[in-house]
Full PDB file with SEQRES, HELIX, SHEET, SSBOND, CRYST1, ORIGX, SCALE, CONECT and MASTER records, all heavy atoms in Angstrom:
SEQRES   1 A   39  GLN THR THR GLN ALA ARG LEU ASP VAL PRO PRO LEU THR          
SEQRES   2 A   39  GLU THR LEU GLU ARG THR GLU SER LEU THR ARG GLY LEU          
SEQRES   3 A   39  LYS ALA LEU SER GLU GLU LEU ALA ASP SER ASP ARG GLU          
HELIX    1 AA1 LEU A   12  GLU A   32  1                                  21    
CRYST1    1.000    1.000    1.000  90.00  90.00  90.00 P 1           1          
ORIGX1      1.000000  0.000000  0.000000        0.00000                         
ORIGX2      0.000000  1.000000  0.000000        0.00000                         
ORIGX3      0.000000  0.000000  1.000000        0.00000                         
SCALE1      1.000000  0.000000  0.000000        0.00000                         
SCALE2      0.000000  1.000000  0.000000        0.00000                         
SCALE3      0.000000  0.000000  1.000000        0.00000                         
ATOM      1  N   GLN A   1      99.405  90.071 142.794  1.00  0.00           N  
ATOM      2  CA  GLN A   1      98.896  88.700 142.895  1.00  0.00           C  
ATOM      3  C   GLN A   1      98.012  88.540 144.124  1.00  0.00           C  
ATOM      4  O   GLN A   1      97.015  87.827 144.097  1.00  0.00           O  
ATOM      5  CB  GLN A   1     100.058  87.703 142.947  1.00  0.00           C  
ATOM      6  CG  GLN A   1     100.789  87.570 141.647  1.00  0.00           C  
ATOM      7  CD  GLN A   1     102.040  86.713 141.769  1.00  0.00           C  
ATOM      8  OE1 GLN A   1     102.531  86.452 142.866  1.00  0.00           O  
ATOM      9  NE2 GLN A   1     102.563  86.284 140.635  1.00  0.00           N  
ATOM     10  N   THR A   2      98.363  89.208 145.188  1.00  0.00           N  
ATOM     11  CA  THR A   2      97.589  89.121 146.424  1.00  0.00           C  
ATOM     12  C   THR A   2      96.223  89.778 146.272  1.00  0.00           C  
ATOM     13  O   THR A   2      95.231  89.281 146.794  1.00  0.00           O  
ATOM     14  CB  THR A   2      98.366  89.774 147.587  1.00  0.00           C  
ATOM     15  OG1 THR A   2      99.597  89.077 147.752  1.00  0.00           O  
ATOM     16  CG2 THR A   2      97.580  89.714 148.883  1.00  0.00           C  
ATOM     17  N   THR A   3      96.170  90.889 145.573  1.00  0.00           N  
ATOM     18  CA  THR A   3      94.921  91.645 145.487  1.00  0.00           C  
ATOM     19  C   THR A   3      94.019  91.210 144.330  1.00  0.00           C  
ATOM     20  O   THR A   3      92.951  91.791 144.153  1.00  0.00           O  
ATOM     21  CB  THR A   3      95.196  93.162 145.367  1.00  0.00           C  
ATOM     22  OG1 THR A   3      96.002  93.408 144.216  1.00  0.00           O  
ATOM     23  CG2 THR A   3      95.866  93.684 146.621  1.00  0.00           C  
ATOM     24  N   GLN A   4      94.423  90.198 143.579  1.00  0.00           N  
ATOM     25  CA  GLN A   4      93.551  89.684 142.524  1.00  0.00           C  
ATOM     26  C   GLN A   4      92.276  89.129 143.146  1.00  0.00           C  
ATOM     27  O   GLN A   4      92.305  88.525 144.219  1.00  0.00           O  
ATOM     28  CB  GLN A   4      94.236  88.569 141.729  1.00  0.00           C  
ATOM     29  CG  GLN A   4      95.303  89.059 140.808  1.00  0.00           C  
ATOM     30  CD  GLN A   4      95.963  87.906 140.052  1.00  0.00           C  
ATOM     31  OE1 GLN A   4      95.785  86.746 140.389  1.00  0.00           O  
ATOM     32  NE2 GLN A   4      96.731  88.240 139.046  1.00  0.00           N  
ATOM     33  N   ALA A   5      91.187  89.348 142.443  1.00  0.00           N  
ATOM     34  CA  ALA A   5      89.893  88.856 142.936  1.00  0.00           C  
ATOM     35  C   ALA A   5      89.911  87.331 143.047  1.00  0.00           C  
ATOM     36  O   ALA A   5      90.463  86.649 142.197  1.00  0.00           O  
ATOM     37  CB  ALA A   5      88.783  89.299 142.002  1.00  0.00           C  
ATOM     38  N   ARG A   6      89.310  86.837 144.106  1.00  0.00           N  
ATOM     39  CA  ARG A   6      89.186  85.390 144.299  1.00  0.00           C  
ATOM     40  C   ARG A   6      87.893  85.098 145.028  1.00  0.00           C  
ATOM     41  O   ARG A   6      87.346  85.959 145.702  1.00  0.00           O  
ATOM     42  CB  ARG A   6      90.400  84.805 145.016  1.00  0.00           C  
ATOM     43  CG  ARG A   6      90.741  85.411 146.337  1.00  0.00           C  
ATOM     44  CD  ARG A   6      92.018  84.856 146.961  1.00  0.00           C  
ATOM     45  NE  ARG A   6      91.977  83.425 147.133  1.00  0.00           N  
ATOM     46  CZ  ARG A   6      93.054  82.633 147.081  1.00  0.00           C  
ATOM     47  NH1 ARG A   6      94.225  83.139 146.879  1.00  0.00           N  
ATOM     48  NH2 ARG A   6      92.953  81.346 147.256  1.00  0.00           N  
ATOM     49  N   LEU A   7      87.426  83.887 144.895  1.00  0.00           N  
ATOM     50  CA  LEU A   7      86.136  83.508 145.468  1.00  0.00           C  
ATOM     51  C   LEU A   7      86.243  82.844 146.832  1.00  0.00           C  
ATOM     52  O   LEU A   7      85.240  82.607 147.481  1.00  0.00           O  
ATOM     53  CB  LEU A   7      85.395  82.573 144.505  1.00  0.00           C  
ATOM     54  CG  LEU A   7      85.064  83.186 143.143  1.00  0.00           C  
ATOM     55  CD1 LEU A   7      84.450  82.136 142.235  1.00  0.00           C  
ATOM     56  CD2 LEU A   7      84.141  84.369 143.295  1.00  0.00           C  
ATOM     57  N   ASP A   8      87.467  82.540 147.249  1.00  0.00           N  
ATOM     58  CA  ASP A   8      87.629  81.849 148.523  1.00  0.00           C  
ATOM     59  C   ASP A   8      88.721  82.520 149.350  1.00  0.00           C  
ATOM     60  O   ASP A   8      89.495  83.322 148.843  1.00  0.00           O  
ATOM     61  CB  ASP A   8      87.986  80.383 148.289  1.00  0.00           C  
ATOM     62  CG  ASP A   8      89.327  80.224 147.573  1.00  0.00           C  
ATOM     63  OD1 ASP A   8      89.751  81.159 146.861  1.00  0.00           O  
ATOM     64  OD2 ASP A   8      89.955  79.171 147.719  1.00  0.00           O  
ATOM     65  N   VAL A   9      88.755  82.181 150.596  1.00  0.00           N  
ATOM     66  CA  VAL A   9      89.817  82.644 151.485  1.00  0.00           C  
ATOM     67  C   VAL A   9      90.850  81.520 151.548  1.00  0.00           C  
ATOM     68  O   VAL A   9      90.499  80.377 151.824  1.00  0.00           O  
ATOM     69  CB  VAL A   9      89.257  82.947 152.896  1.00  0.00           C  
ATOM     70  CG1 VAL A   9      90.376  83.288 153.856  1.00  0.00           C  
ATOM     71  CG2 VAL A   9      88.238  84.067 152.825  1.00  0.00           C  
ATOM     72  N   PRO A  10      92.111  81.835 151.271  1.00  0.00           N  
ATOM     73  CA  PRO A  10      93.124  80.777 151.284  1.00  0.00           C  
ATOM     74  C   PRO A  10      93.371  80.245 152.700  1.00  0.00           C  
ATOM     75  O   PRO A  10      93.010  80.902 153.684  1.00  0.00           O  
ATOM     76  CB  PRO A  10      94.368  81.466 150.731  1.00  0.00           C  
ATOM     77  CG  PRO A  10      94.128  82.915 150.891  1.00  0.00           C  
ATOM     78  CD  PRO A  10      92.660  83.124 150.910  1.00  0.00           C  
ATOM     79  N   PRO A  11      94.007  79.092 152.802  1.00  0.00           N  
ATOM     80  CA  PRO A  11      94.324  78.533 154.123  1.00  0.00           C  
ATOM     81  C   PRO A  11      95.201  79.494 154.927  1.00  0.00           C  
ATOM     82  O   PRO A  11      95.997  80.263 154.374  1.00  0.00           O  
ATOM     83  CB  PRO A  11      95.092  77.249 153.806  1.00  0.00           C  
ATOM     84  CG  PRO A  11      94.783  76.939 152.386  1.00  0.00           C  
ATOM     85  CD  PRO A  11      94.459  78.229 151.716  1.00  0.00           C  
ATOM     86  N   LEU A  12      95.059  79.446 156.226  1.00  0.00           N  
ATOM     87  CA  LEU A  12      95.777  80.346 157.123  1.00  0.00           C  
ATOM     88  C   LEU A  12      97.287  80.238 156.943  1.00  0.00           C  
ATOM     89  O   LEU A  12      97.988  81.255 156.909  1.00  0.00           O  
ATOM     90  CB  LEU A  12      95.390  80.059 158.581  1.00  0.00           C  
ATOM     91  CG  LEU A  12      96.032  80.948 159.639  1.00  0.00           C  
ATOM     92  CD1 LEU A  12      95.674  82.414 159.420  1.00  0.00           C  
ATOM     93  CD2 LEU A  12      95.603  80.495 161.021  1.00  0.00           C  
ATOM     94  N   THR A  13      97.811  79.028 156.804  1.00  0.00           N  
ATOM     95  CA  THR A  13      99.271  78.867 156.668  1.00  0.00           C  
ATOM     96  C   THR A  13      99.791  79.570 155.417  1.00  0.00           C  
ATOM     97  O   THR A  13     100.826  80.231 155.462  1.00  0.00           O  
ATOM     98  CB  THR A  13      99.661  77.384 156.631  1.00  0.00           C  
ATOM     99  OG1 THR A  13      98.910  76.723 155.615  1.00  0.00           O  
ATOM    100  CG2 THR A  13      99.416  76.712 157.963  1.00  0.00           C  
ATOM    101  N   GLU A  14      99.081  79.455 154.320  1.00  0.00           N  
ATOM    102  CA  GLU A  14      99.476  80.119 153.076  1.00  0.00           C  
ATOM    103  C   GLU A  14      99.437  81.639 153.251  1.00  0.00           C  
ATOM    104  O   GLU A  14     100.347  82.360 152.833  1.00  0.00           O  
ATOM    105  CB  GLU A  14      98.558  79.704 151.931  1.00  0.00           C  
ATOM    106  CG  GLU A  14      98.865  80.401 150.615  1.00  0.00           C  
ATOM    107  CD  GLU A  14      97.847  80.072 149.542  1.00  0.00           C  
ATOM    108  OE1 GLU A  14      97.278  78.955 149.557  1.00  0.00           O  
ATOM    109  OE2 GLU A  14      97.613  80.938 148.683  1.00  0.00           O  
ATOM    110  N   THR A  15      98.379  82.113 153.878  1.00  0.00           N  
ATOM    111  CA  THR A  15      98.229  83.550 154.095  1.00  0.00           C  
ATOM    112  C   THR A  15      99.345  84.082 154.978  1.00  0.00           C  
ATOM    113  O   THR A  15      99.923  85.142 154.700  1.00  0.00           O  
ATOM    114  CB  THR A  15      96.862  83.851 154.728  1.00  0.00           C  
ATOM    115  OG1 THR A  15      95.838  83.393 153.846  1.00  0.00           O  
ATOM    116  CG2 THR A  15      96.675  85.332 154.975  1.00  0.00           C  
ATOM    117  N   LEU A  16      99.691  83.364 156.036  1.00  0.00           N  
ATOM    118  CA  LEU A  16     100.754  83.820 156.938  1.00  0.00           C  
ATOM    119  C   LEU A  16     102.111  83.846 156.240  1.00  0.00           C  
ATOM    120  O   LEU A  16     102.921  84.751 156.467  1.00  0.00           O  
ATOM    121  CB  LEU A  16     100.801  82.956 158.193  1.00  0.00           C  
ATOM    122  CG  LEU A  16      99.595  83.099 159.131  1.00  0.00           C  
ATOM    123  CD1 LEU A  16      99.702  82.122 160.299  1.00  0.00           C  
ATOM    124  CD2 LEU A  16      99.426  84.526 159.619  1.00  0.00           C  
ATOM    125  N   GLU A  17     102.370  82.882 155.358  1.00  0.00           N  
ATOM    126  CA  GLU A  17     103.624  82.870 154.598  1.00  0.00           C  
ATOM    127  C   GLU A  17     103.704  84.084 153.674  1.00  0.00           C  
ATOM    128  O   GLU A  17     104.735  84.756 153.591  1.00  0.00           O  
ATOM    129  CB  GLU A  17     103.748  81.588 153.778  1.00  0.00           C  
ATOM    130  CG  GLU A  17     104.022  80.355 154.601  1.00  0.00           C  
ATOM    131  CD  GLU A  17     103.919  79.069 153.797  1.00  0.00           C  
ATOM    132  OE1 GLU A  17     103.776  79.144 152.548  1.00  0.00           O  
ATOM    133  OE2 GLU A  17     103.990  77.998 154.405  1.00  0.00           O  
ATOM    134  N   ARG A  18     102.613  84.366 152.983  1.00  0.00           N  
ATOM    135  CA  ARG A  18     102.586  85.517 152.080  1.00  0.00           C  
ATOM    136  C   ARG A  18     102.674  86.817 152.873  1.00  0.00           C  
ATOM    137  O   ARG A  18     103.276  87.787 152.420  1.00  0.00           O  
ATOM    138  CB  ARG A  18     101.336  85.480 151.222  1.00  0.00           C  
ATOM    139  CG  ARG A  18     101.356  84.302 150.246  1.00  0.00           C  
ATOM    140  CD  ARG A  18     100.102  84.179 149.459  1.00  0.00           C  
ATOM    141  NE  ARG A  18     100.071  85.211 148.427  1.00  0.00           N  
ATOM    142  CZ  ARG A  18      99.074  85.359 147.583  1.00  0.00           C  
ATOM    143  NH1 ARG A  18      98.026  84.563 147.652  1.00  0.00           N  
ATOM    144  NH2 ARG A  18      99.103  86.292 146.668  1.00  0.00           N  
ATOM    145  N   THR A  19     102.085  86.826 154.060  1.00  0.00           N  
ATOM    146  CA  THR A  19     102.152  88.008 154.916  1.00  0.00           C  
ATOM    147  C   THR A  19     103.596  88.295 155.306  1.00  0.00           C  
ATOM    148  O   THR A  19     104.037  89.448 155.264  1.00  0.00           O  
ATOM    149  CB  THR A  19     101.275  87.812 156.172  1.00  0.00           C  
ATOM    150  OG1 THR A  19      99.916  87.661 155.763  1.00  0.00           O  
ATOM    151  CG2 THR A  19     101.398  88.992 157.126  1.00  0.00           C  
ATOM    152  N   GLU A  20     104.346  87.269 155.672  1.00  0.00           N  
ATOM    153  CA  GLU A  20     105.753  87.451 156.038  1.00  0.00           C  
ATOM    154  C   GLU A  20     106.544  88.042 154.879  1.00  0.00           C  
ATOM    155  O   GLU A  20     107.341  88.965 155.072  1.00  0.00           O  
ATOM    156  CB  GLU A  20     106.371  86.116 156.469  1.00  0.00           C  
ATOM    157  CG  GLU A  20     105.928  85.637 157.822  1.00  0.00           C  
ATOM    158  CD  GLU A  20     106.566  84.309 158.192  1.00  0.00           C  
ATOM    159  OE1 GLU A  20     107.704  84.043 157.740  1.00  0.00           O  
ATOM    160  OE2 GLU A  20     105.923  83.547 158.922  1.00  0.00           O  
ATOM    161  N   SER A  21     106.318  87.534 153.699  1.00  0.00           N  
ATOM    162  CA  SER A  21     107.033  88.009 152.525  1.00  0.00           C  
ATOM    163  C   SER A  21     106.697  89.468 152.212  1.00  0.00           C  
ATOM    164  O   SER A  21     107.589  90.292 151.991  1.00  0.00           O  
ATOM    165  CB  SER A  21     106.699  87.112 151.331  1.00  0.00           C  
ATOM    166  OG  SER A  21     107.370  87.558 150.190  1.00  0.00           O  
ATOM    167  N   LEU A  22     105.418  89.795 152.209  1.00  0.00           N  
ATOM    168  CA  LEU A  22     105.019  91.175 151.943  1.00  0.00           C  
ATOM    169  C   LEU A  22     105.479  92.115 153.055  1.00  0.00           C  
ATOM    170  O   LEU A  22     105.851  93.263 152.797  1.00  0.00           O  
ATOM    171  CB  LEU A  22     103.499  91.269 151.795  1.00  0.00           C  
ATOM    172  CG  LEU A  22     102.970  91.330 150.371  1.00  0.00           C  
ATOM    173  CD1 LEU A  22     101.453  91.283 150.349  1.00  0.00           C  
ATOM    174  CD2 LEU A  22     103.473  92.518 149.622  1.00  0.00           C  
ATOM    175  N   THR A  23     105.471  91.628 154.282  1.00  0.00           N  
ATOM    176  CA  THR A  23     105.934  92.434 155.409  1.00  0.00           C  
ATOM    177  C   THR A  23     107.396  92.813 155.229  1.00  0.00           C  
ATOM    178  O   THR A  23     107.774  93.975 155.422  1.00  0.00           O  
ATOM    179  CB  THR A  23     105.725  91.677 156.741  1.00  0.00           C  
ATOM    180  OG1 THR A  23     104.329  91.495 156.939  1.00  0.00           O  
ATOM    181  CG2 THR A  23     106.310  92.442 157.918  1.00  0.00           C  
ATOM    182  N   ARG A  24     108.225  91.845 154.851  1.00  0.00           N  
ATOM    183  CA  ARG A  24     109.651  92.137 154.623  1.00  0.00           C  
ATOM    184  C   ARG A  24     109.812  93.195 153.538  1.00  0.00           C  
ATOM    185  O   ARG A  24     110.589  94.142 153.690  1.00  0.00           O  
ATOM    186  CB  ARG A  24     110.407  90.864 154.235  1.00  0.00           C  
ATOM    187  CG  ARG A  24     110.698  89.940 155.390  1.00  0.00           C  
ATOM    188  CD  ARG A  24     111.663  88.835 155.001  1.00  0.00           C  
ATOM    189  NE  ARG A  24     111.240  88.062 153.845  1.00  0.00           N  
ATOM    190  CZ  ARG A  24     110.445  86.995 153.878  1.00  0.00           C  
ATOM    191  NH1 ARG A  24     109.973  86.583 155.042  1.00  0.00           N  
ATOM    192  NH2 ARG A  24     110.118  86.358 152.778  1.00  0.00           N  
ATOM    193  N   GLY A  25     109.090  93.042 152.447  1.00  0.00           N  
ATOM    194  CA  GLY A  25     109.202  93.995 151.351  1.00  0.00           C  
ATOM    195  C   GLY A  25     108.715  95.380 151.726  1.00  0.00           C  
ATOM    196  O   GLY A  25     109.352  96.390 151.407  1.00  0.00           O  
ATOM    197  N   LEU A  26     107.587  95.446 152.438  1.00  0.00           N  
ATOM    198  CA  LEU A  26     107.037  96.739 152.836  1.00  0.00           C  
ATOM    199  C   LEU A  26     107.934  97.435 153.864  1.00  0.00           C  
ATOM    200  O   LEU A  26     108.148  98.644 153.796  1.00  0.00           O  
ATOM    201  CB  LEU A  26     105.621  96.562 153.383  1.00  0.00           C  
ATOM    202  CG  LEU A  26     104.808  97.824 153.629  1.00  0.00           C  
ATOM    203  CD1 LEU A  26     104.722  98.693 152.377  1.00  0.00           C  
ATOM    204  CD2 LEU A  26     103.414  97.468 154.110  1.00  0.00           C  
ATOM    205  N   LYS A  27     108.489  96.667 154.802  1.00  0.00           N  
ATOM    206  CA  LYS A  27     109.425  97.242 155.777  1.00  0.00           C  
ATOM    207  C   LYS A  27     110.657  97.802 155.073  1.00  0.00           C  
ATOM    208  O   LYS A  27     111.114  98.905 155.381  1.00  0.00           O  
ATOM    209  CB  LYS A  27     109.862  96.191 156.799  1.00  0.00           C  
ATOM    210  CG  LYS A  27     108.882  95.964 157.908  1.00  0.00           C  
ATOM    211  CD  LYS A  27     109.445  94.961 158.892  1.00  0.00           C  
ATOM    212  CE  LYS A  27     108.462  94.690 160.011  1.00  0.00           C  
ATOM    213  NZ  LYS A  27     108.975  93.694 160.961  1.00  0.00           N  
ATOM    214  N   ALA A  28     111.197  97.043 154.140  1.00  0.00           N  
ATOM    215  CA  ALA A  28     112.392  97.488 153.418  1.00  0.00           C  
ATOM    216  C   ALA A  28     112.101  98.743 152.608  1.00  0.00           C  
ATOM    217  O   ALA A  28     112.909  99.683 152.594  1.00  0.00           O  
ATOM    218  CB  ALA A  28     112.900  96.371 152.511  1.00  0.00           C  
ATOM    219  N   LEU A  29     110.959  98.786 151.955  1.00  0.00           N  
ATOM    220  CA  LEU A  29     110.586  99.962 151.176  1.00  0.00           C  
ATOM    221  C   LEU A  29     110.391 101.166 152.091  1.00  0.00           C  
ATOM    222  O   LEU A  29     110.859 102.274 151.795  1.00  0.00           O  
ATOM    223  CB  LEU A  29     109.312  99.689 150.375  1.00  0.00           C  
ATOM    224  CG  LEU A  29     108.834 100.812 149.459  1.00  0.00           C  
ATOM    225  CD1 LEU A  29     109.885 101.149 148.407  1.00  0.00           C  
ATOM    226  CD2 LEU A  29     107.521 100.411 148.793  1.00  0.00           C  
ATOM    227  N   SER A  30     109.743 100.958 153.211  1.00  0.00           N  
ATOM    228  CA  SER A  30     109.519 102.035 154.166  1.00  0.00           C  
ATOM    229  C   SER A  30     110.845 102.577 154.701  1.00  0.00           C  
ATOM    230  O   SER A  30     111.034 103.790 154.819  1.00  0.00           O  
ATOM    231  CB  SER A  30     108.642 101.532 155.307  1.00  0.00           C  
ATOM    232  OG  SER A  30     108.333 102.577 156.194  1.00  0.00           O  
ATOM    233  N   GLU A  31     111.774 101.686 155.002  1.00  0.00           N  
ATOM    234  CA  GLU A  31     113.092 102.109 155.481  1.00  0.00           C  
ATOM    235  C   GLU A  31     113.851 102.866 154.399  1.00  0.00           C  
ATOM    236  O   GLU A  31     114.534 103.857 154.680  1.00  0.00           O  
ATOM    237  CB  GLU A  31     113.900 100.901 155.951  1.00  0.00           C  
ATOM    238  CG  GLU A  31     113.391 100.296 157.238  1.00  0.00           C  
ATOM    239  CD  GLU A  31     114.052  98.969 157.569  1.00  0.00           C  
ATOM    240  OE1 GLU A  31     115.018  98.567 156.877  1.00  0.00           O  
ATOM    241  OE2 GLU A  31     113.583  98.322 158.524  1.00  0.00           O  
ATOM    242  N   GLU A  32     113.728 102.408 153.165  1.00  0.00           N  
ATOM    243  CA  GLU A  32     114.404 103.065 152.050  1.00  0.00           C  
ATOM    244  C   GLU A  32     113.892 104.499 151.866  1.00  0.00           C  
ATOM    245  O   GLU A  32     114.636 105.390 151.479  1.00  0.00           O  
ATOM    246  CB  GLU A  32     114.176 102.260 150.768  1.00  0.00           C  
ATOM    247  CG  GLU A  32     114.878 102.799 149.548  1.00  0.00           C  
ATOM    248  CD  GLU A  32     114.605 101.950 148.336  1.00  0.00           C  
ATOM    249  OE1 GLU A  32     115.002 100.763 148.327  1.00  0.00           O  
ATOM    250  OE2 GLU A  32     113.989 102.463 147.378  1.00  0.00           O  
ATOM    251  N   LEU A  33     112.630 104.712 152.168  1.00  0.00           N  
ATOM    252  CA  LEU A  33     112.004 106.021 151.967  1.00  0.00           C  
ATOM    253  C   LEU A  33     111.975 106.871 153.238  1.00  0.00           C  
ATOM    254  O   LEU A  33     111.315 107.902 153.275  1.00  0.00           O  
ATOM    255  CB  LEU A  33     110.579 105.823 151.442  1.00  0.00           C  
ATOM    256  CG  LEU A  33     110.468 105.113 150.098  1.00  0.00           C  
ATOM    257  CD1 LEU A  33     109.023 104.762 149.803  1.00  0.00           C  
ATOM    258  CD2 LEU A  33     111.078 105.957 148.990  1.00  0.00           C  
ATOM    259  N   ALA A  34     112.687 106.451 154.257  1.00  0.00           N  
ATOM    260  CA  ALA A  34     112.637 107.140 155.551  1.00  0.00           C  
ATOM    261  C   ALA A  34     113.058 108.607 155.466  1.00  0.00           C  
ATOM    262  O   ALA A  34     112.577 109.428 156.245  1.00  0.00           O  
ATOM    263  CB  ALA A  34     113.507 106.410 156.561  1.00  0.00           C  
ATOM    264  N   ASP A  35     113.915 108.953 154.546  1.00  0.00           N  
ATOM    265  CA  ASP A  35     114.403 110.324 154.443  1.00  0.00           C  
ATOM    266  C   ASP A  35     113.550 111.203 153.538  1.00  0.00           C  
ATOM    267  O   ASP A  35     113.849 112.381 153.365  1.00  0.00           O  
ATOM    268  CB  ASP A  35     115.839 110.340 153.932  1.00  0.00           C  
ATOM    269  CG  ASP A  35     116.799 109.706 154.924  1.00  0.00           C  
ATOM    270  OD1 ASP A  35     116.491 109.722 156.137  1.00  0.00           O  
ATOM    271  OD2 ASP A  35     117.840 109.184 154.493  1.00  0.00           O  
ATOM    272  N   SER A  36     112.496 110.637 152.972  1.00  0.00           N  
ATOM    273  CA  SER A  36     111.647 111.408 152.066  1.00  0.00           C  
ATOM    274  C   SER A  36     110.891 112.484 152.835  1.00  0.00           C  
ATOM    275  O   SER A  36     110.387 112.244 153.927  1.00  0.00           O  
ATOM    276  CB  SER A  36     110.646 110.490 151.361  1.00  0.00           C  
ATOM    277  OG  SER A  36     109.784 111.257 150.546  1.00  0.00           O  
ATOM    278  N   ASP A  37     110.810 113.656 152.228  1.00  0.00           N  
ATOM    279  CA  ASP A  37     110.055 114.732 152.861  1.00  0.00           C  
ATOM    280  C   ASP A  37     108.720 114.979 152.158  1.00  0.00           C  
ATOM    281  O   ASP A  37     107.981 115.890 152.526  1.00  0.00           O  
ATOM    282  CB  ASP A  37     110.881 116.018 152.917  1.00  0.00           C  
ATOM    283  CG  ASP A  37     111.325 116.487 151.537  1.00  0.00           C  
ATOM    284  OD1 ASP A  37     111.130 115.740 150.560  1.00  0.00           O  
ATOM    285  OD2 ASP A  37     111.878 117.592 151.444  1.00  0.00           O  
ATOM    286  N   ARG A  38     108.395 114.139 151.189  1.00  0.00           N  
ATOM    287  CA  ARG A  38     107.112 114.268 150.491  1.00  0.00           C  
ATOM    288  C   ARG A  38     105.981 113.833 151.418  1.00  0.00           C  
ATOM    289  O   ARG A  38     106.042 112.787 152.053  1.00  0.00           O  
ATOM    290  CB  ARG A  38     107.100 113.389 149.240  1.00  0.00           C  
ATOM    291  CG  ARG A  38     108.055 113.909 148.186  1.00  0.00           C  
ATOM    292  CD  ARG A  38     107.768 113.370 146.815  1.00  0.00           C  
ATOM    293  NE  ARG A  38     106.383 113.627 146.439  1.00  0.00           N  
ATOM    294  CZ  ARG A  38     105.586 112.696 145.937  1.00  0.00           C  
ATOM    295  NH1 ARG A  38     106.018 111.480 145.753  1.00  0.00           N  
ATOM    296  NH2 ARG A  38     104.356 112.988 145.607  1.00  0.00           N  
ATOM    297  N   GLU A  39     104.967 114.654 151.499  1.00  0.00           N  
ATOM    298  CA  GLU A  39     103.860 114.390 152.421  1.00  0.00           C  
ATOM    299  C   GLU A  39     103.165 113.063 152.111  1.00  0.00           C  
ATOM    300  O   GLU A  39     102.858 112.290 153.019  1.00  0.00           O  
ATOM    301  CB  GLU A  39     102.846 115.530 152.373  1.00  0.00           C  
ATOM    302  CG  GLU A  39     101.744 115.349 153.396  1.00  0.00           C  
ATOM    303  CD  GLU A  39     100.783 116.522 153.432  1.00  0.00           C  
ATOM    304  OE1 GLU A  39     101.021 117.530 152.760  1.00  0.00           O  
ATOM    305  OE2 GLU A  39      99.790 116.415 154.160  1.00  0.00           O  
TER     306      GLU A  39                                                      
MASTER        0    0    0    1    0    0    0    6  305    1    0    3          
END                                                                             
């Protein structure tokens, strides 16, 4: 949903909220994969 093409830049508050949500998910995924030895 974030990477869908759009013609405008959303308001900063909306972007920061979505950033927090994606950050939590990416951190959790990164932690889950911490033991992976795949390059």
